[in-house]
């Protein structure tokens, strides 16, 4: 896991379902819910103020729809990829679970498109840093500094304490590439780009 507190859901596996269930339990405990039907405190059963949580409904996604979403979102991301890079034409094969491993959840295409963008710029930054290419480094830094205010990070990332900014951007802005490298190494093997045509 990278410096993020958590990643958005992609391919849903047993681990992701466990996280949803545990998250639901914690949310119910922290917010205090009504008792579950048939166990209200008035009837004397169950724990007053607690209801058994229900997981949000899993909406399965077909590969065709996920690929469509991925292509649509990658065209809508307002900032380009680094020069010479392009989005792959479809979701990477490793993002498509075998039917015995789980199902894809709606939103996988969006998730992959945005993280492909981030990882492409992290790669560009690391390459420019290693080669001391100051113009390319400045361009990559500018793009990475936009990430916290971009729609996907702002609306979908679970990072209320700005851990990614602290561990990645703050170091980068002090000319320390270690935060970007750590994030890239832990995340980006799943989000390749291809050479632009």
Foldseek 3Di string as FASTA:
>chain_A
DALAPDAFDWFDFPVNVVVQQVVQQVVQVVVFAADAPPAGVVVVHDDGRGYRGDGDDFDFDDQVVLFVLLVVLLVVQPDDFPPQWAAPSGAPPVRQDDVVGGGTGPPNSVSLSVVLRLLRLLVQLVVCLVVVVVVSNVVSLVVNVCVCVGPCNVPPGPHPVCSLCVQQVVCVVVVHRVSSVRNNVVPPVNHHIDGDD
